[in-house]
Amino acid sequence: MESRAPLFRLIVGLGNPGLEYAQTRHNVGFMILNQLADRAGTSFRSSQKWNAETAVASTVTLCKPLSFMNLSGEPVAALSRYYKIEPREMLMILDDVALPLGKLRLRASGSAGGHNGLQSVIEHLGTVEIPRLRVGIGAAANRPLTSHVLGRFSPDELPALQESIVRAADAVAVAQREGLEAAMNQFNQQPVK
């Protein structure tokens, strides 16, 4: 029988804390974690020890760092050390301006690709061998990148956003059940509607 990648023990959604950032493009990771928590029938609790909101879903810890995006690695590394979770047992979920709105891209490893939150995690864990799920938020057409990622989705983008959140949660479920490669084969190829 084919061996499968280990199940993720820690799933991290990258974003920024606070209501002013709650529905911004940069917070897609948080939105997907909320979907995963809802599906598992669990809720998040704030922990000063980790500087994060965490929820437990079966054998998986869901984590939303409460540091700002550029410092995401600090809470992730603290949880990793305490629970002895290897980077390959984690899944980072983050926004990606290089992907069209709603497009998903799962990878087992790689560079930060210009994403400061993922760069912080890589620096604190000391490796690029961290599985990640990138969720397309669309390119910054005629405005600065910072304004784009910290901006909200337009009303006509909301259906695609909601669909991508559901599909991302489905991708996580497939990865947990069948392994990362199976999820990559199924979700990386799906066209954006």
N, C-alpha and C. Protein backbone atom coordinates (compact mmCIF):
# COMPACT_ATOMS: atom_id res chain seq x y z
N MET A 1 0.84 -1.19 0.00
CA MET A 1 0.00 0.00 0.00
C MET A 1 0.89 1.25 0.00
N GLU A 2 0.48 2.24 -0.76
CA GLU A 2 1.23 3.48 -0.87
C GLU A 2 1.20 4.24 0.46
N SER A 3 2.39 4.70 0.89
CA SER A 3 2.41 5.46 2.14
C SER A 3 1.95 6.89 1.87
N ARG A 4 1.26 7.45 2.83
CA ARG A 4 0.74 8.81 2.68
C ARG A 4 1.54 9.77 3.53
N ALA A 5 1.53 11.01 3.12
CA ALA A 5 2.18 12.06 3.91
C ALA A 5 1.50 12.11 5.28
N PRO A 6 2.25 12.46 6.31
CA PRO A 6 1.64 12.54 7.63
C PRO A 6 0.53 13.58 7.66
N LEU A 7 -0.45 13.33 8.48
CA LEU A 7 -1.53 14.30 8.63
C LEU A 7 -0.99 15.59 9.23
N PHE A 8 -1.62 16.69 8.87
CA PHE A 8 -1.24 17.96 9.46
C PHE A 8 -1.70 18.00 10.90
N ARG A 9 -0.81 18.42 11.77
CA ARG A 9 -1.15 18.57 13.19
C ARG A 9 -1.43 20.03 13.52
N LEU A 10 -0.93 20.94 12.68
CA LEU A 10 -1.13 22.37 12.89
C LEU A 10 -1.48 23.00 11.55
N ILE A 11 -2.62 23.68 11.51
CA ILE A 11 -3.04 24.40 10.30
C ILE A 11 -3.11 25.87 10.68
N VAL A 12 -2.35 26.67 9.96
CA VAL A 12 -2.21 28.09 10.28
C VAL A 12 -2.79 28.93 9.15
N GLY A 13 -3.68 29.83 9.49
CA GLY A 13 -4.18 30.81 8.54
C GLY A 13 -3.44 32.12 8.79
N LEU A 14 -2.84 32.68 7.76
CA LEU A 14 -2.11 33.93 7.92
C LEU A 14 -3.04 35.11 7.66
N GLY A 15 -2.89 36.13 8.49
CA GLY A 15 -3.73 37.33 8.36
C GLY A 15 -3.28 38.37 9.36
N ASN A 16 -4.07 39.41 9.49
CA ASN A 16 -3.81 40.48 10.45
C ASN A 16 -4.93 40.51 11.47
N PRO A 17 -4.60 40.76 12.74
CA PRO A 17 -5.64 40.80 13.78
C PRO A 17 -6.42 42.12 13.73
N GLY A 18 -7.61 42.10 14.30
CA GLY A 18 -8.39 43.32 14.45
C GLY A 18 -9.50 43.43 13.43
N LEU A 19 -10.58 44.10 13.86
CA LEU A 19 -11.76 44.23 13.01
C LEU A 19 -11.49 45.00 11.72
N GLU A 20 -10.56 45.96 11.76
CA GLU A 20 -10.30 46.76 10.57
C GLU A 20 -9.72 45.93 9.43
N TYR A 21 -9.15 44.76 9.75
CA TYR A 21 -8.56 43.90 8.73
C TYR A 21 -9.41 42.66 8.42
N ALA A 22 -10.49 42.48 9.16
CA ALA A 22 -11.22 41.21 9.14
C ALA A 22 -11.63 40.74 7.74
N GLN A 23 -12.09 41.63 6.90
CA GLN A 23 -12.58 41.21 5.59
C GLN A 23 -11.66 41.64 4.45
N THR A 24 -10.40 41.87 4.76
CA THR A 24 -9.46 42.30 3.72
C THR A 24 -8.88 41.10 2.96
N ARG A 25 -8.30 41.37 1.82
CA ARG A 25 -7.72 40.31 0.98
C ARG A 25 -6.60 39.56 1.72
N HIS A 26 -5.84 40.28 2.51
CA HIS A 26 -4.72 39.66 3.23
C HIS A 26 -5.21 38.66 4.29
N ASN A 27 -6.49 38.69 4.62
CA ASN A 27 -7.01 37.84 5.69
C ASN A 27 -7.76 36.61 5.17
N VAL A 28 -7.54 36.24 3.94
CA VAL A 28 -8.17 35.03 3.40
C VAL A 28 -7.81 33.81 4.25
N GLY A 29 -6.58 33.76 4.75
CA GLY A 29 -6.17 32.64 5.61
C GLY A 29 -7.05 32.51 6.84
N PHE A 30 -7.36 33.64 7.48
CA PHE A 30 -8.25 33.63 8.64
C PHE A 30 -9.65 33.16 8.25
N MET A 31 -10.14 33.63 7.10
CA MET A 31 -11.48 33.26 6.64
C MET A 31 -11.59 31.75 6.45
N ILE A 32 -10.56 31.15 5.90
CA ILE A 32 -10.57 29.70 5.67
C ILE A 32 -10.49 28.95 6.99
N LEU A 33 -9.68 29.46 7.94
CA LEU A 33 -9.63 28.82 9.27
C LEU A 33 -10.99 28.87 9.94
N ASN A 34 -11.72 29.98 9.77
CA ASN A 34 -13.07 30.05 10.34
C ASN A 34 -13.97 28.99 9.73
N GLN A 35 -13.84 28.77 8.43
CA GLN A 35 -14.62 27.73 7.75
C GLN A 35 -14.27 26.34 8.30
N LEU A 36 -12.97 26.08 8.49
CA LEU A 36 -12.55 24.79 9.04
C LEU A 36 -13.08 24.59 10.46
N ALA A 37 -13.04 25.64 11.26
CA ALA A 37 -13.55 25.55 12.63
C ALA A 37 -15.05 25.30 12.63
N ASP A 38 -15.78 26.00 11.75
CA ASP A 38 -17.23 25.79 11.65
C ASP A 38 -17.54 24.35 11.27
N ARG A 39 -16.82 23.81 10.30
CA ARG A 39 -17.05 22.43 9.88
C ARG A 39 -16.78 21.44 11.00
N ALA A 40 -15.80 21.75 11.85
CA ALA A 40 -15.43 20.85 12.94
C ALA A 40 -16.27 21.09 14.19
N GLY A 41 -17.12 22.12 14.15
CA GLY A 41 -17.96 22.41 15.31
C GLY A 41 -17.16 22.91 16.51
N THR A 42 -16.09 23.64 16.24
CA THR A 42 -15.25 24.16 17.31
C THR A 42 -15.15 25.68 17.16
N SER A 43 -14.61 26.33 18.16
CA SER A 43 -14.46 27.78 18.08
C SER A 43 -13.08 28.20 18.58
N PHE A 44 -12.68 29.39 18.20
CA PHE A 44 -11.36 29.90 18.54
C PHE A 44 -11.36 30.56 19.92
N ARG A 45 -10.23 30.41 20.58
CA ARG A 45 -10.00 31.10 21.85
C ARG A 45 -8.67 31.83 21.73
N SER A 46 -8.66 33.02 22.29
CA SER A 46 -7.44 33.82 22.27
C SER A 46 -6.50 33.33 23.36
N SER A 47 -5.21 33.20 23.01
CA SER A 47 -4.21 32.75 23.97
C SER A 47 -3.04 33.73 23.99
N GLN A 48 -2.83 34.38 25.14
CA GLN A 48 -1.68 35.28 25.25
C GLN A 48 -0.38 34.50 25.19
N LYS A 49 -0.40 33.26 25.68
CA LYS A 49 0.81 32.43 25.66
C LYS A 49 1.37 32.29 24.25
N TRP A 50 0.48 32.11 23.27
CA TRP A 50 0.91 31.90 21.89
C TRP A 50 0.82 33.16 21.06
N ASN A 51 0.15 34.20 21.58
CA ASN A 51 -0.17 35.38 20.79
C ASN A 51 -0.92 34.94 19.53
N ALA A 52 -1.95 34.13 19.76
CA ALA A 52 -2.71 33.56 18.65
C ALA A 52 -4.10 33.18 19.14
N GLU A 53 -5.01 33.04 18.18
CA GLU A 53 -6.29 32.40 18.45
C GLU A 53 -6.12 30.96 18.00
N THR A 54 -6.52 30.02 18.84
CA THR A 54 -6.41 28.61 18.48
C THR A 54 -7.74 27.90 18.71
N ALA A 55 -7.93 26.84 17.96
CA ALA A 55 -9.09 25.95 18.12
C ALA A 55 -8.59 24.54 17.87
N VAL A 56 -9.17 23.59 18.55
CA VAL A 56 -8.78 22.19 18.35
C VAL A 56 -9.91 21.48 17.62
N ALA A 57 -9.55 20.84 16.51
CA ALA A 57 -10.50 20.07 15.70
C ALA A 57 -9.93 18.66 15.59
N SER A 58 -10.45 17.77 16.42
CA SER A 58 -9.95 16.40 16.48
C SER A 58 -8.49 16.42 16.91
N THR A 59 -7.57 15.97 16.05
CA THR A 59 -6.15 15.94 16.42
C THR A 59 -5.37 17.10 15.83
N VAL A 60 -6.09 18.09 15.30
CA VAL A 60 -5.45 19.21 14.61
C VAL A 60 -5.69 20.50 15.39
N THR A 61 -4.63 21.30 15.52
CA THR A 61 -4.77 22.63 16.09
C THR A 61 -4.87 23.62 14.95
N LEU A 62 -5.90 24.45 14.98
CA LEU A 62 -6.06 25.54 14.03
C LEU A 62 -5.51 26.79 14.68
N CYS A 63 -4.75 27.58 13.95
CA CYS A 63 -4.09 28.74 14.54
C CYS A 63 -4.22 29.97 13.65
N LYS A 64 -4.65 31.08 14.27
CA LYS A 64 -4.64 32.39 13.63
C LYS A 64 -3.71 33.28 14.46
N PRO A 65 -2.47 33.51 13.98
CA PRO A 65 -1.55 34.36 14.74
C PRO A 65 -2.13 35.75 14.95
N LEU A 66 -1.95 36.28 16.15
CA LEU A 66 -2.43 37.62 16.46
C LEU A 66 -1.34 38.67 16.35
N SER A 67 -0.15 38.24 15.97
CA SER A 67 0.90 39.19 15.61
C SER A 67 0.48 39.73 14.25
N PHE A 68 1.04 40.82 13.82
CA PHE A 68 0.71 41.26 12.47
C PHE A 68 1.40 40.34 11.46
N MET A 69 0.93 40.38 10.23
CA MET A 69 1.35 39.45 9.19
C MET A 69 2.86 39.26 9.14
N ASN A 70 3.62 40.36 9.17
CA ASN A 70 5.07 40.28 9.02
C ASN A 70 5.76 39.56 10.17
N LEU A 71 5.04 39.30 11.26
CA LEU A 71 5.61 38.63 12.44
C LEU A 71 4.95 37.28 12.70
N SER A 72 4.27 36.74 11.73
CA SER A 72 3.51 35.49 11.89
C SER A 72 4.35 34.32 12.38
N GLY A 73 5.62 34.33 12.05
CA GLY A 73 6.49 33.22 12.41
C GLY A 73 6.66 33.03 13.91
N GLU A 74 6.56 34.12 14.68
CA GLU A 74 6.77 34.02 16.13
C GLU A 74 5.76 33.10 16.81
N PRO A 75 4.44 33.32 16.65
CA PRO A 75 3.49 32.40 17.27
C PRO A 75 3.56 30.99 16.70
N VAL A 76 3.80 30.88 15.40
CA VAL A 76 3.88 29.56 14.77
C VAL A 76 5.05 28.77 15.35
N ALA A 77 6.20 29.40 15.48
CA ALA A 77 7.38 28.73 16.03
C ALA A 77 7.16 28.35 17.49
N ALA A 78 6.50 29.21 18.26
CA ALA A 78 6.24 28.91 19.67
C ALA A 78 5.34 27.67 19.80
N LEU A 79 4.28 27.61 19.03
CA LEU A 79 3.40 26.43 19.05
C LEU A 79 4.15 25.18 18.59
N SER A 80 4.93 25.35 17.54
CA SER A 80 5.70 24.23 16.99
C SER A 80 6.64 23.64 18.03
N ARG A 81 7.36 24.50 18.74
CA ARG A 81 8.30 24.01 19.76
C ARG A 81 7.56 23.33 20.92
N TYR A 82 6.52 23.97 21.39
CA TYR A 82 5.81 23.45 22.55
C TYR A 82 5.19 22.07 22.28
N TYR A 83 4.54 21.94 21.13
CA TYR A 83 3.85 20.68 20.80
C TYR A 83 4.73 19.73 19.98
N LYS A 84 5.99 20.11 19.74
CA LYS A 84 6.92 19.29 18.97
C LYS A 84 6.32 18.90 17.60
N ILE A 85 5.89 19.93 16.88
CA ILE A 85 5.31 19.75 15.56
C ILE A 85 6.36 20.12 14.52
N GLU A 86 6.65 19.18 13.66
CA GLU A 86 7.63 19.40 12.60
C GLU A 86 7.01 20.27 11.49
N PRO A 87 7.81 21.07 10.78
CA PRO A 87 7.27 21.89 9.69
C PRO A 87 6.46 21.09 8.67
N ARG A 88 6.87 19.86 8.36
CA ARG A 88 6.13 19.06 7.38
C ARG A 88 4.77 18.62 7.90
N GLU A 89 4.52 18.79 9.21
CA GLU A 89 3.23 18.44 9.81
C GLU A 89 2.31 19.67 9.92
N MET A 90 2.72 20.76 9.28
CA MET A 90 1.95 22.00 9.31
C MET A 90 1.42 22.31 7.91
N LEU A 91 0.39 23.11 7.88
CA LEU A 91 -0.11 23.65 6.62
C LEU A 91 -0.35 25.14 6.82
N MET A 92 0.33 25.97 6.02
CA MET A 92 0.12 27.41 6.04
C MET A 92 -0.91 27.75 4.98
N ILE A 93 -1.90 28.56 5.32
CA ILE A 93 -2.91 29.00 4.36
C ILE A 93 -2.78 30.51 4.24
N LEU A 94 -2.59 30.98 3.00
CA LEU A 94 -2.30 32.40 2.80
C LEU A 94 -2.83 32.90 1.47
N ASP A 95 -2.93 34.22 1.38
CA ASP A 95 -3.37 34.88 0.16
C ASP A 95 -2.21 34.95 -0.84
N ASP A 96 -2.56 35.07 -2.12
CA ASP A 96 -1.53 35.18 -3.16
C ASP A 96 -2.02 36.12 -4.26
N VAL A 97 -1.33 37.26 -4.43
CA VAL A 97 -1.72 38.22 -5.47
C VAL A 97 -1.33 37.75 -6.87
N ALA A 98 -0.45 36.76 -6.97
CA ALA A 98 -0.02 36.27 -8.28
C ALA A 98 -1.01 35.28 -8.88
N LEU A 99 -2.01 34.89 -8.10
CA LEU A 99 -3.03 33.95 -8.59
C LEU A 99 -4.35 34.68 -8.80
N PRO A 100 -5.10 34.29 -9.83
CA PRO A 100 -6.42 34.89 -10.03
C PRO A 100 -7.32 34.63 -8.82
N LEU A 101 -8.27 35.52 -8.61
CA LEU A 101 -9.20 35.37 -7.50
C LEU A 101 -9.82 33.98 -7.52
N GLY A 102 -9.68 33.26 -6.41
CA GLY A 102 -10.30 31.95 -6.27
C GLY A 102 -9.43 30.77 -6.64
N LYS A 103 -8.33 31.00 -7.34
CA LYS A 103 -7.44 29.90 -7.73
C LYS A 103 -6.69 29.38 -6.51
N LEU A 104 -6.59 28.06 -6.38
CA LEU A 104 -5.87 27.44 -5.27
C LEU A 104 -4.57 26.83 -5.77
N ARG A 105 -3.54 26.88 -4.93
CA ARG A 105 -2.29 26.22 -5.27
C ARG A 105 -1.68 25.63 -4.00
N LEU A 106 -1.69 24.31 -3.92
CA LEU A 106 -1.06 23.58 -2.82
C LEU A 106 0.36 23.23 -3.23
N ARG A 107 1.30 23.36 -2.28
CA ARG A 107 2.68 22.98 -2.50
C ARG A 107 3.24 22.38 -1.21
N ALA A 108 4.19 21.48 -1.35
CA ALA A 108 4.82 20.86 -0.18
C ALA A 108 5.92 21.74 0.40
N SER A 109 6.49 22.63 -0.44
CA SER A 109 7.59 23.47 0.01
C SER A 109 7.82 24.57 -1.01
N GLY A 110 8.80 25.43 -0.74
CA GLY A 110 9.16 26.47 -1.68
C GLY A 110 9.43 27.79 -0.99
N SER A 111 9.78 28.77 -1.78
CA SER A 111 10.11 30.09 -1.23
C SER A 111 8.84 30.79 -0.76
N ALA A 112 9.03 31.94 -0.14
CA ALA A 112 7.90 32.74 0.33
C ALA A 112 7.19 33.43 -0.83
N GLY A 113 7.86 33.54 -1.96
CA GLY A 113 7.23 34.16 -3.12
C GLY A 113 6.79 35.60 -2.89
N GLY A 114 7.52 36.31 -2.04
CA GLY A 114 7.19 37.70 -1.77
C GLY A 114 6.15 37.91 -0.69
N HIS A 115 5.66 36.84 -0.08
CA HIS A 115 4.64 36.97 0.98
C HIS A 115 5.34 37.12 2.33
N ASN A 116 5.18 38.27 2.96
CA ASN A 116 5.91 38.56 4.20
C ASN A 116 5.52 37.66 5.36
N GLY A 117 4.27 37.26 5.43
CA GLY A 117 3.85 36.36 6.51
C GLY A 117 4.51 35.01 6.38
N LEU A 118 4.51 34.45 5.17
CA LEU A 118 5.16 33.16 4.95
C LEU A 118 6.67 33.29 5.13
N GLN A 119 7.25 34.42 4.72
CA GLN A 119 8.68 34.64 4.92
C GLN A 119 9.03 34.60 6.41
N SER A 120 8.20 35.21 7.24
CA SER A 120 8.42 35.20 8.68
C SER A 120 8.38 33.77 9.23
N VAL A 121 7.42 32.99 8.76
CA VAL A 121 7.32 31.59 9.22
C VAL A 121 8.56 30.81 8.80
N ILE A 122 8.98 30.97 7.56
CA ILE A 122 10.17 30.28 7.05
C ILE A 122 11.40 30.66 7.88
N GLU A 123 11.56 31.94 8.17
CA GLU A 123 12.71 32.39 8.96
C GLU A 123 12.68 31.80 10.37
N HIS A 124 11.52 31.79 11.01
CA HIS A 124 11.44 31.29 12.39
C HIS A 124 11.56 29.78 12.47
N LEU A 125 11.13 29.07 11.44
CA LEU A 125 11.24 27.60 11.46
C LEU A 125 12.54 27.12 10.83
N GLY A 126 13.22 28.01 10.11
CA GLY A 126 14.51 27.67 9.52
C GLY A 126 14.46 26.71 8.36
N THR A 127 13.33 26.69 7.64
CA THR A 127 13.21 25.80 6.49
C THR A 127 12.13 26.30 5.53
N VAL A 128 12.28 25.95 4.24
CA VAL A 128 11.23 26.22 3.26
C VAL A 128 10.35 24.98 3.07
N GLU A 129 10.68 23.90 3.77
CA GLU A 129 9.94 22.64 3.65
C GLU A 129 8.68 22.68 4.51
N ILE A 130 7.81 23.62 4.19
CA ILE A 130 6.55 23.81 4.92
C ILE A 130 5.42 23.76 3.91
N PRO A 131 4.51 22.79 4.02
CA PRO A 131 3.38 22.75 3.10
C PRO A 131 2.55 24.04 3.21
N ARG A 132 2.02 24.45 2.06
CA ARG A 132 1.22 25.67 2.05
C ARG A 132 0.11 25.58 1.02
N LEU A 133 -0.96 26.30 1.32
CA LEU A 133 -2.09 26.44 0.41
C LEU A 133 -2.22 27.92 0.12
N ARG A 134 -1.92 28.28 -1.12
CA ARG A 134 -2.05 29.68 -1.54
C ARG A 134 -3.42 29.86 -2.18
N VAL A 135 -4.07 30.96 -1.84
CA VAL A 135 -5.41 31.24 -2.34
C VAL A 135 -5.36 32.55 -3.10
N GLY A 136 -5.72 32.51 -4.37
CA GLY A 136 -5.64 33.69 -5.22
C GLY A 136 -6.59 34.79 -4.78
N ILE A 137 -6.04 36.01 -4.71
CA ILE A 137 -6.87 37.18 -4.38
C ILE A 137 -6.85 38.18 -5.53
N GLY A 138 -6.22 37.81 -6.64
CA GLY A 138 -6.15 38.69 -7.79
C GLY A 138 -5.03 39.70 -7.68
N ALA A 139 -4.59 40.18 -8.82
CA ALA A 139 -3.48 41.14 -8.89
C ALA A 139 -3.94 42.54 -8.53
N ALA A 140 -2.99 43.34 -8.08
CA ALA A 140 -3.24 44.75 -7.78
C ALA A 140 -3.21 45.52 -9.09
N ALA A 141 -4.34 45.70 -9.72
CA ALA A 141 -4.40 46.29 -11.05
C ALA A 141 -3.81 47.69 -11.11
N ASN A 142 -4.52 48.66 -10.60
CA ASN A 142 -4.07 50.05 -10.74
C ASN A 142 -3.89 50.74 -9.40
N ARG A 143 -3.41 49.98 -8.42
CA ARG A 143 -3.15 50.59 -7.11
C ARG A 143 -1.96 49.93 -6.46
N PRO A 144 -1.37 50.57 -5.46
CA PRO A 144 -0.21 49.99 -4.79
C PRO A 144 -0.55 48.64 -4.15
N LEU A 145 0.43 47.76 -4.09
CA LEU A 145 0.22 46.42 -3.55
C LEU A 145 -0.34 46.45 -2.13
N THR A 146 0.20 47.31 -1.28
CA THR A 146 -0.26 47.38 0.11
C THR A 146 -1.74 47.75 0.17
N SER A 147 -2.15 48.73 -0.63
CA SER A 147 -3.57 49.11 -0.66
C SER A 147 -4.43 47.96 -1.14
N HIS A 148 -3.92 47.20 -2.08
CA HIS A 148 -4.67 46.07 -2.62
C HIS A 148 -4.87 44.99 -1.57
N VAL A 149 -3.78 44.52 -0.94
CA VAL A 149 -3.91 43.39 -0.01
C VAL A 149 -4.64 43.80 1.27
N LEU A 150 -4.57 45.08 1.64
CA LEU A 150 -5.27 45.55 2.83
C LEU A 150 -6.66 46.09 2.51
N GLY A 151 -7.03 45.99 1.24
CA GLY A 151 -8.36 46.43 0.81
C GLY A 151 -9.37 45.29 0.89
N ARG A 152 -10.61 45.67 0.85
CA ARG A 152 -11.70 44.68 0.91
C ARG A 152 -12.07 44.22 -0.50
N PHE A 153 -12.71 43.07 -0.55
CA PHE A 153 -13.20 42.55 -1.83
C PHE A 153 -14.40 43.38 -2.27
N SER A 154 -14.53 43.57 -3.56
CA SER A 154 -15.68 44.31 -4.08
C SER A 154 -16.90 43.38 -4.04
N PRO A 155 -18.12 43.94 -4.04
CA PRO A 155 -19.32 43.10 -3.98
C PRO A 155 -19.37 42.04 -5.08
N ASP A 156 -18.91 42.39 -6.29
CA ASP A 156 -18.97 41.41 -7.38
C ASP A 156 -17.91 40.31 -7.23
N GLU A 157 -16.93 40.50 -6.34
CA GLU A 157 -15.92 39.46 -6.09
C GLU A 157 -16.34 38.48 -4.98
N LEU A 158 -17.34 38.86 -4.19
CA LEU A 158 -17.71 38.05 -3.02
C LEU A 158 -18.15 36.63 -3.35
N PRO A 159 -18.93 36.39 -4.42
CA PRO A 159 -19.27 34.99 -4.73
C PRO A 159 -18.03 34.13 -5.01
N ALA A 160 -17.05 34.66 -5.76
CA ALA A 160 -15.83 33.90 -6.04
C ALA A 160 -15.03 33.69 -4.76
N LEU A 161 -15.01 34.70 -3.89
CA LEU A 161 -14.32 34.56 -2.61
C LEU A 161 -14.95 33.45 -1.78
N GLN A 162 -16.28 33.49 -1.65
CA GLN A 162 -16.96 32.46 -0.84
C GLN A 162 -16.72 31.07 -1.40
N GLU A 163 -16.77 30.94 -2.72
CA GLU A 163 -16.51 29.64 -3.35
C GLU A 163 -15.09 29.17 -3.07
N SER A 164 -14.12 30.10 -3.12
CA SER A 164 -12.73 29.71 -2.88
C SER A 164 -12.51 29.29 -1.43
N ILE A 165 -13.22 29.91 -0.49
CA ILE A 165 -13.11 29.53 0.92
C ILE A 165 -13.61 28.10 1.12
N VAL A 166 -14.74 27.78 0.52
CA VAL A 166 -15.29 26.42 0.61
C VAL A 166 -14.35 25.41 -0.06
N ARG A 167 -13.85 25.75 -1.26
CA ARG A 167 -12.96 24.83 -1.97
C ARG A 167 -11.65 24.65 -1.22
N ALA A 168 -11.16 25.71 -0.59
CA ALA A 168 -9.92 25.59 0.18
C ALA A 168 -10.13 24.66 1.38
N ALA A 169 -11.25 24.78 2.06
CA ALA A 169 -11.55 23.88 3.17
C ALA A 169 -11.69 22.44 2.67
N ASP A 170 -12.28 22.27 1.49
CA ASP A 170 -12.37 20.93 0.88
C ASP A 170 -10.97 20.38 0.58
N ALA A 171 -10.10 21.24 0.08
CA ALA A 171 -8.73 20.83 -0.24
C ALA A 171 -7.99 20.37 1.01
N VAL A 172 -8.19 21.07 2.11
CA VAL A 172 -7.58 20.68 3.38
C VAL A 172 -8.10 19.31 3.80
N ALA A 173 -9.40 19.09 3.66
CA ALA A 173 -10.00 17.81 4.04
C ALA A 173 -9.43 16.67 3.21
N VAL A 174 -9.27 16.89 1.90
CA VAL A 174 -8.70 15.86 1.03
C VAL A 174 -7.25 15.59 1.41
N ALA A 175 -6.49 16.65 1.67
CA ALA A 175 -5.09 16.48 2.07
C ALA A 175 -4.99 15.68 3.36
N GLN A 176 -5.86 15.95 4.31
CA GLN A 176 -5.83 15.22 5.58
C GLN A 176 -6.20 13.75 5.38
N ARG A 177 -7.15 13.50 4.51
CA ARG A 177 -7.67 12.14 4.32
C ARG A 177 -6.81 11.32 3.36
N GLU A 178 -6.34 11.96 2.27
CA GLU A 178 -5.70 11.21 1.19
C GLU A 178 -4.25 11.59 0.94
N GLY A 179 -3.77 12.63 1.60
CA GLY A 179 -2.40 13.08 1.42
C GLY A 179 -2.32 14.33 0.56
N LEU A 180 -1.21 15.03 0.70
CA LEU A 180 -1.03 16.31 0.01
C LEU A 180 -1.02 16.15 -1.50
N GLU A 181 -0.37 15.11 -1.99
CA GLU A 181 -0.29 14.93 -3.45
C GLU A 181 -1.67 14.74 -4.07
N ALA A 182 -2.53 13.97 -3.42
CA ALA A 182 -3.88 13.77 -3.93
C ALA A 182 -4.63 15.10 -3.97
N ALA A 183 -4.48 15.89 -2.93
CA ALA A 183 -5.15 17.20 -2.89
C ALA A 183 -4.59 18.12 -3.97
N MET A 184 -3.27 18.09 -4.18
CA MET A 184 -2.66 18.91 -5.23
C MET A 184 -3.22 18.52 -6.59
N ASN A 185 -3.30 17.22 -6.86
CA ASN A 185 -3.80 16.75 -8.15
C ASN A 185 -5.24 17.18 -8.38
N GLN A 186 -6.03 17.20 -7.33
CA GLN A 186 -7.44 17.53 -7.47
C GLN A 186 -7.70 19.04 -7.51
N PHE A 187 -7.02 19.81 -6.68
CA PHE A 187 -7.39 21.22 -6.52
C PHE A 187 -6.50 22.21 -7.27
N ASN A 188 -5.25 21.85 -7.54
CA ASN A 188 -4.38 22.79 -8.26
C ASN A 188 -4.81 22.95 -9.72
N GLN A 189 -5.50 21.95 -10.24
CA GLN A 189 -5.88 21.96 -11.64
C GLN A 189 -7.26 22.56 -11.89
N GLN A 190 -8.03 22.75 -10.81
CA GLN A 190 -9.40 23.23 -10.99
C GLN A 190 -9.41 24.63 -11.58
N PRO A 191 -10.20 24.82 -12.64
CA PRO A 191 -10.30 26.18 -13.20
C PRO A 191 -11.11 27.08 -12.27
N VAL A 192 -10.81 28.35 -12.32
CA VAL A 192 -11.58 29.33 -11.57
C VAL A 192 -12.83 29.63 -12.36
N LYS A 193 -13.98 29.63 -11.68
CA LYS A 193 -15.26 29.89 -12.37
C LYS A 193 -15.52 31.36 -12.51
